[in-house]
Amino acid sequence: MKRKTIVGVGVGALLAVSMPHTLSPVLSQKKKPVIEQRHATWEEKKANKKLAKRIAWAGYGWRKMEWRCIDYIFTKESKYDHMAKNQQGSSAFGIGQRLNETSTDPLTQILHAYKYIVHRYETPCRAMRYHLRNNHY
């Protein structure tokens, strides 16, 4: 049995093709994105740090001491490299070295890290104190 499945959109018109119904579930399954093997450039790292600071100050009100704590964590974890992979072999990835992070977008990684810090530690400095004792946060 075949059914029509929409596979693309043209300019104002839909393109439909026939395919066996047994293939459609396979095609609709999400695959884990493949993360390219490269490191951020110095310019990208500098821009990532600036973005992290802007979000910390404007979005969370984390200034002075809190920012220093965030800066310490992100510098130790990845040096603001949004393509950094964990050296110990875990699935941690990106600026905040979050486990199972799949995004290569610095903004998304920073927001995920800040959300995690608030949820688990409440403040960046508590997260840093934990990091100093355990070498991770």
Protein backbone atom coordinates (compact mmCIF):
# COMPACT_ATOMS: atom_id res chain seq x y z
CA MET A 1 0.00 0.00 0.00
CA LYS A 2 1.32 3.43 -0.91
CA ARG A 3 0.36 6.78 0.52
CA LYS A 4 1.19 10.34 -0.43
CA THR A 5 3.74 12.03 1.79
CA ILE A 6 4.78 15.66 1.65
CA VAL A 7 8.55 15.86 1.20
CA GLY A 8 9.14 19.47 0.21
CA VAL A 9 7.62 22.85 -0.33
CA GLY A 10 7.93 24.72 -3.60
CA VAL A 11 7.13 28.38 -4.16
CA GLY A 12 3.52 28.43 -3.03
CA ALA A 13 2.91 24.78 -3.94
CA LEU A 14 3.43 21.49 -2.11
CA LEU A 15 5.34 18.67 -3.69
CA ALA A 16 3.93 15.23 -2.90
CA VAL A 17 5.32 11.87 -3.90
CA SER A 18 4.18 8.33 -3.37
CA MET A 19 6.18 6.08 -1.11
CA PRO A 20 5.52 2.80 0.63
CA HIS A 21 4.00 3.34 4.07
CA THR A 22 6.66 1.11 5.59
CA LEU A 23 9.38 3.66 4.81
CA SER A 24 7.73 6.75 6.27
CA PRO A 25 8.39 5.94 9.97
CA VAL A 26 12.04 5.30 9.18
CA LEU A 27 12.38 8.63 7.40
CA SER A 28 10.66 10.53 10.20
CA GLN A 29 12.94 9.25 12.99
CA LYS A 30 15.26 11.90 14.41
CA LYS A 31 18.93 11.16 14.10
CA LYS A 32 21.53 12.53 16.50
CA PRO A 33 23.39 15.34 14.72
CA VAL A 34 26.98 14.70 13.76
CA ILE A 35 29.23 17.30 15.38
CA GLU A 36 32.05 18.42 13.15
CA GLN A 37 35.62 17.89 14.32
CA ARG A 38 37.15 21.34 14.67
CA HIS A 39 37.97 23.91 17.33
CA ALA A 40 36.73 27.48 17.58
CA THR A 41 39.04 30.20 16.32
CA TRP A 42 40.42 32.83 18.67
CA GLU A 43 37.93 35.33 17.24
CA GLU A 44 35.02 32.94 17.85
CA LYS A 45 36.14 32.33 21.44
CA LYS A 46 36.39 36.07 22.03
CA ALA A 47 32.88 36.59 20.60
CA ASN A 48 31.55 33.69 22.71
CA LYS A 49 32.97 35.26 25.88
CA LYS A 50 31.44 38.62 24.99
CA LEU A 51 28.07 36.94 24.35
CA ALA A 52 28.24 35.02 27.65
CA LYS A 53 28.99 38.24 29.54
CA ARG A 54 26.18 40.14 27.83
CA ILE A 55 23.66 37.39 28.70
CA ALA A 56 24.96 37.09 32.29
CA TRP A 57 24.69 40.83 32.88
CA ALA A 58 21.48 41.63 31.00
CA GLY A 59 19.58 38.37 31.25
CA TYR A 60 20.48 37.21 34.75
CA GLY A 61 21.80 40.32 36.52
CA TRP A 62 25.07 38.48 37.20
CA ARG A 63 27.72 41.18 37.42
CA LYS A 64 31.16 41.53 38.97
CA MET A 65 31.65 38.52 41.28
CA GLU A 66 29.07 36.29 39.60
CA TRP A 67 30.58 37.05 36.21
CA ARG A 68 34.07 36.18 37.51
CA CYS A 69 32.70 32.82 38.68
CA ILE A 70 31.10 32.11 35.28
CA ASP A 71 34.28 33.20 33.53
CA TYR A 72 36.33 30.84 35.71
CA ILE A 73 34.05 27.87 34.96
CA PHE A 74 33.81 28.46 31.20
CA THR A 75 37.57 29.10 30.91
CA LYS A 76 38.42 25.90 32.81
CA GLU A 77 35.83 23.79 31.00
CA SER A 78 36.30 24.89 27.38
CA LYS A 79 38.16 28.20 27.06
CA TYR A 80 34.88 29.43 25.45
CA ASP A 81 35.26 26.94 22.60
CA HIS A 82 31.75 26.02 21.42
CA MET A 83 33.22 22.97 19.64
CA ALA A 84 35.16 21.66 22.68
CA LYS A 85 34.78 17.96 23.43
CA ASN A 86 35.39 16.50 26.87
CA GLN A 87 38.94 15.19 27.19
CA GLN A 88 37.96 12.51 29.72
CA GLY A 89 35.72 10.68 27.25
CA SER A 90 32.29 11.71 28.52
CA SER A 91 29.57 13.13 26.28
CA ALA A 92 30.15 16.67 27.60
CA PHE A 93 30.43 19.22 24.81
CA GLY A 94 30.62 22.94 24.18
CA ILE A 95 31.25 26.07 26.21
CA GLY A 96 29.60 24.81 29.39
CA GLN A 97 30.60 21.17 28.81
CA ARG A 98 27.02 20.01 29.34
CA LEU A 99 26.41 16.28 29.14
CA ASN A 100 24.65 15.22 25.95
CA GLU A 101 24.82 18.72 24.45
CA THR A 102 24.05 18.48 20.75
CA SER A 103 23.92 22.14 19.74
CA THR A 104 26.92 23.78 18.11
CA ASP A 105 25.33 27.22 18.54
CA PRO A 106 27.19 29.25 21.22
CA LEU A 107 24.02 31.11 22.29
CA THR A 108 22.13 27.87 22.90
CA GLN A 109 25.07 26.36 24.80
CA ILE A 110 25.40 29.42 27.04
CA LEU A 111 21.67 29.50 27.79
CA HIS A 112 21.69 25.76 28.58
CA ALA A 113 24.66 26.21 30.93
CA TYR A 114 23.06 29.17 32.74
CA LYS A 115 19.78 27.30 33.13
CA TYR A 116 21.68 24.34 34.58
CA ILE A 117 23.63 26.56 37.00
CA VAL A 118 20.46 28.23 38.28
CA HIS A 119 18.66 24.89 38.61
CA ARG A 120 21.45 23.01 40.36
CA TYR A 121 23.46 25.67 42.24
CA GLU A 122 21.29 28.83 42.23
CA THR A 123 24.34 31.07 41.69
CA PRO A 124 27.47 30.93 39.53
CA CYS A 125 29.72 31.25 42.58
CA ARG A 126 28.21 28.17 44.22
CA ALA A 127 28.81 26.33 40.95
CA MET A 128 32.41 27.55 40.95
CA ARG A 129 32.97 26.42 44.55
CA TYR A 130 31.68 22.97 43.60
CA HIS A 131 33.97 23.02 40.54
CA LEU A 132 36.99 23.90 42.69
CA ARG A 133 36.35 20.88 44.94
CA ASN A 134 35.39 18.36 42.22
CA ASN A 135 36.98 19.63 38.97
CA HIS A 136 33.56 19.66 37.29
CA TYR A 137 30.21 21.29 37.96
